[in-house]
Amino acid sequence: MKKVIVAALAAGFIGSAAAAQHSGVEVYPAAKPAPEVAKVLKESMKLDAGTFITSDSVEKVTAFYKGQKGLTEQPGTSKQGAMFMGKGVMLTIQNPWLDMKTSQKQTSTLISIVKQK
């Protein structure tokens, strides 16, 4: 029984330590990479960005980033979007968003972590 508890605790610590990051900022746990969006931002706007998509609401994602040390929420947060600055990045959260490649409105939540120069 003790071995099972120790193994479960170790797995929890390993999972926490392995949280994905981009430019020193933790990526929202329920988000999946959106490399095609990052590619368009790099090619069209010359931005070094990590982009991620989740089905969670802007409010839920915003609450996660409010708890991140070193990030400061900027004015204008709403049900459609939020912005944070700090750690050398600008982080935006938006839903809906426009896919610049297809010009289609998307209803997932897009998280963009843009490295500042």
C-alpha atoms as a PDB file:
ATOM      1  CA  MET A   1       0.000   0.000   0.000  1.00  0.00           C
ATOM      2  CA  LYS A   2       2.813   2.429   0.873  1.00  0.00           C
ATOM      3  CA  LYS A   3       4.464   1.753  -2.499  1.00  0.00           C
ATOM      4  CA  VAL A   4       1.250   2.657  -4.314  1.00  0.00           C
ATOM      5  CA  ILE A   5       0.937   5.954  -2.423  1.00  0.00           C
ATOM      6  CA  VAL A   6       4.592   6.834  -3.030  1.00  0.00           C
ATOM      7  CA  ALA A   7       4.230   6.007  -6.743  1.00  0.00           C
ATOM      8  CA  ALA A   8       1.086   8.144  -7.016  1.00  0.00           C
ATOM      9  CA  LEU A   9       2.782  11.087  -5.287  1.00  0.00           C
ATOM     10  CA  ALA A  10       5.868  10.746  -7.499  1.00  0.00           C
ATOM     11  CA  ALA A  11       3.692  10.699 -10.627  1.00  0.00           C
ATOM     12  CA  GLY A  12       1.972  13.883  -9.433  1.00  0.00           C
ATOM     13  CA  PHE A  13       5.283  15.667  -8.882  1.00  0.00           C
ATOM     14  CA  ILE A  14       6.648  14.510 -12.231  1.00  0.00           C
ATOM     15  CA  GLY A  15       3.470  15.687 -13.982  1.00  0.00           C
ATOM     16  CA  SER A  16       3.753  19.097 -12.339  1.00  0.00           C
ATOM     17  CA  ALA A  17       7.421  19.410 -13.251  1.00  0.00           C
ATOM     18  CA  ALA A  18       6.696  18.494 -16.854  1.00  0.00           C
ATOM     19  CA  ALA A  19       4.199  21.306 -17.467  1.00  0.00           C
ATOM     20  CA  ALA A  20       4.668  22.653 -20.985  1.00  0.00           C
ATOM     21  CA  GLN A  21       6.199  26.112 -21.326  1.00  0.00           C
ATOM     22  CA  HIS A  22       6.737  28.616 -24.092  1.00  0.00           C
ATOM     23  CA  SER A  23       9.195  31.507 -23.644  1.00  0.00           C
ATOM     24  CA  GLY A  24       9.246  30.840 -19.888  1.00  0.00           C
ATOM     25  CA  VAL A  25       5.462  30.935 -19.484  1.00  0.00           C
ATOM     26  CA  GLU A  26       3.456  27.864 -18.526  1.00  0.00           C
ATOM     27  CA  VAL A  27       1.044  26.759 -21.241  1.00  0.00           C
ATOM     28  CA  TYR A  28      -2.578  26.329 -20.149  1.00  0.00           C
ATOM     29  CA  PRO A  29      -2.837  22.593 -19.298  1.00  0.00           C
ATOM     30  CA  ALA A  30      -5.936  21.865 -21.430  1.00  0.00           C
ATOM     31  CA  ALA A  31      -4.534  23.615 -24.518  1.00  0.00           C
ATOM     32  CA  LYS A  32      -3.103  21.922 -27.584  1.00  0.00           C
ATOM     33  CA  PRO A  33      -0.420  23.489 -29.798  1.00  0.00           C
ATOM     34  CA  ALA A  34      -1.649  25.329 -32.900  1.00  0.00           C
ATOM     35  CA  PRO A  35       1.560  25.498 -34.984  1.00  0.00           C
ATOM     36  CA  GLU A  36      -0.302  26.583 -38.124  1.00  0.00           C
ATOM     37  CA  VAL A  37      -1.442  29.780 -36.358  1.00  0.00           C
ATOM     38  CA  ALA A  38       2.101  30.455 -35.084  1.00  0.00           C
ATOM     39  CA  LYS A  39       3.417  29.975 -38.615  1.00  0.00           C
ATOM     40  CA  VAL A  40       1.014  32.575 -40.029  1.00  0.00           C
ATOM     41  CA  LEU A  41       1.982  35.050 -37.273  1.00  0.00           C
ATOM     42  CA  LYS A  42       5.677  34.502 -38.005  1.00  0.00           C
ATOM     43  CA  GLU A  43       5.309  34.821 -41.783  1.00  0.00           C
ATOM     44  CA  SER A  44       2.860  37.724 -41.896  1.00  0.00           C
ATOM     45  CA  MET A  45       3.777  39.736 -38.794  1.00  0.00           C
ATOM     46  CA  LYS A  46       7.325  38.528 -37.992  1.00  0.00           C
ATOM     47  CA  LEU A  47       6.218  37.514 -34.479  1.00  0.00           C
ATOM     48  CA  ASP A  48       7.920  34.801 -32.437  1.00  0.00           C
ATOM     49  CA  ALA A  49       4.810  33.225 -30.927  1.00  0.00           C
ATOM     50  CA  GLY A  50       3.579  30.011 -29.421  1.00  0.00           C
ATOM     51  CA  THR A  51      -0.109  29.501 -30.133  1.00  0.00           C
ATOM     52  CA  PHE A  52      -2.442  27.083 -28.404  1.00  0.00           C
ATOM     53  CA  ILE A  53      -6.136  26.201 -28.627  1.00  0.00           C
ATOM     54  CA  THR A  54      -8.561  24.968 -25.981  1.00  0.00           C
ATOM     55  CA  SER A  55     -12.296  24.423 -25.751  1.00  0.00           C
ATOM     56  CA  ASP A  56     -12.290  26.073 -22.299  1.00  0.00           C
ATOM     57  CA  SER A  57     -13.766  29.544 -21.871  1.00  0.00           C
ATOM     58  CA  VAL A  58     -11.787  32.785 -21.882  1.00  0.00           C
ATOM     59  CA  GLU A  59     -12.781  33.226 -18.219  1.00  0.00           C
ATOM     60  CA  LYS A  60     -11.325  29.854 -17.202  1.00  0.00           C
ATOM     61  CA  VAL A  61      -8.059  30.425 -19.101  1.00  0.00           C
ATOM     62  CA  THR A  62      -7.795  33.973 -17.718  1.00  0.00           C
ATOM     63  CA  ALA A  63      -8.195  32.657 -14.155  1.00  0.00           C
ATOM     64  CA  PHE A  64      -5.286  30.250 -14.780  1.00  0.00           C
ATOM     65  CA  TYR A  65      -2.967  33.034 -15.974  1.00  0.00           C
ATOM     66  CA  LYS A  66      -3.993  35.376 -13.122  1.00  0.00           C
ATOM     67  CA  GLY A  67      -2.244  32.868 -10.861  1.00  0.00           C
ATOM     68  CA  GLN A  68       1.039  32.950 -12.794  1.00  0.00           C
ATOM     69  CA  LYS A  69       3.793  34.900 -11.058  1.00  0.00           C
ATOM     70  CA  GLY A  70       5.417  37.530 -13.223  1.00  0.00           C
ATOM     71  CA  LEU A  71       2.387  38.113 -15.467  1.00  0.00           C
ATOM     72  CA  THR A  72       0.258  41.248 -15.087  1.00  0.00           C
ATOM     73  CA  GLU A  73      -3.289  41.373 -16.423  1.00  0.00           C
ATOM     74  CA  GLN A  74      -3.858  44.382 -18.667  1.00  0.00           C
ATOM     75  CA  PRO A  75      -7.029  46.529 -18.736  1.00  0.00           C
ATOM     76  CA  GLY A  76      -9.906  45.470 -20.974  1.00  0.00           C
ATOM     77  CA  THR A  77     -10.493  41.851 -19.951  1.00  0.00           C
ATOM     78  CA  SER A  78     -13.891  40.621 -21.123  1.00  0.00           C
ATOM     79  CA  LYS A  79     -15.717  37.387 -21.939  1.00  0.00           C
ATOM     80  CA  GLN A  80     -14.091  37.547 -25.393  1.00  0.00           C
ATOM     81  CA  GLY A  81     -10.501  38.219 -24.421  1.00  0.00           C
ATOM     82  CA  ALA A  82      -7.712  39.108 -22.029  1.00  0.00           C
ATOM     83  CA  MET A  83      -4.090  40.207 -22.205  1.00  0.00           C
ATOM     84  CA  PHE A  84      -1.167  39.723 -19.838  1.00  0.00           C
ATOM     85  CA  MET A  85       2.335  41.208 -19.941  1.00  0.00           C
ATOM     86  CA  GLY A  86       5.494  40.100 -18.169  1.00  0.00           C
ATOM     87  CA  LYS A  87       8.336  37.581 -18.309  1.00  0.00           C
ATOM     88  CA  GLY A  88       9.362  39.140 -21.637  1.00  0.00           C
ATOM     89  CA  VAL A  89       6.102  38.160 -23.348  1.00  0.00           C
ATOM     90  CA  MET A  90       2.693  39.447 -24.301  1.00  0.00           C
ATOM     91  CA  LEU A  91       0.055  36.773 -23.735  1.00  0.00           C
ATOM     92  CA  THR A  92      -3.376  37.101 -25.328  1.00  0.00           C
ATOM     93  CA  ILE A  93      -6.491  34.987 -24.857  1.00  0.00           C
ATOM     94  CA  GLN A  94      -9.370  35.357 -27.307  1.00  0.00           C
ATOM     95  CA  ASN A  95     -12.620  33.719 -28.340  1.00  0.00           C
ATOM     96  CA  PRO A  96     -13.829  34.055 -31.019  1.00  0.00           C
ATOM     97  CA  TRP A  97     -10.809  34.609 -33.233  1.00  0.00           C
ATOM     98  CA  LEU A  98     -10.189  34.880 -36.951  1.00  0.00           C
ATOM     99  CA  ASP A  99      -8.043  32.262 -38.661  1.00  0.00           C
ATOM    100  CA  MET A 100      -5.888  34.534 -40.841  1.00  0.00           C
ATOM    101  CA  LYS A 101      -5.094  31.734 -43.276  1.00  0.00           C
ATOM    102  CA  THR A 102      -8.703  30.715 -43.997  1.00  0.00           C
ATOM    103  CA  SER A 103     -10.503  33.940 -42.963  1.00  0.00           C
ATOM    104  CA  GLN A 104     -12.875  31.759 -40.946  1.00  0.00           C
ATOM    105  CA  LYS A 105     -14.215  32.747 -37.520  1.00  0.00           C
ATOM    106  CA  GLN A 106     -13.150  30.182 -34.900  1.00  0.00           C
ATOM    107  CA  THR A 107     -15.055  29.543 -31.670  1.00  0.00           C
ATOM    108  CA  SER A 108     -12.316  27.790 -29.714  1.00  0.00           C
ATOM    109  CA  THR A 109     -10.195  29.820 -27.299  1.00  0.00           C
ATOM    110  CA  LEU A 110      -6.845  30.894 -28.740  1.00  0.00           C
ATOM    111  CA  ILE A 111      -3.881  31.532 -26.441  1.00  0.00           C
ATOM    112  CA  SER A 112      -0.933  33.370 -28.018  1.00  0.00           C
ATOM    113  CA  ILE A 113       2.363  33.785 -26.177  1.00  0.00           C
ATOM    114  CA  VAL A 114       4.414  36.340 -28.087  1.00  0.00           C
ATOM    115  CA  LYS A 115       8.041  36.910 -27.184  1.00  0.00           C
ATOM    116  CA  GLN A 116       8.806  40.629 -26.852  1.00  0.00           C
ATOM    117  CA  LYS A 117      11.936  42.080 -28.435  1.00  0.00           C
END
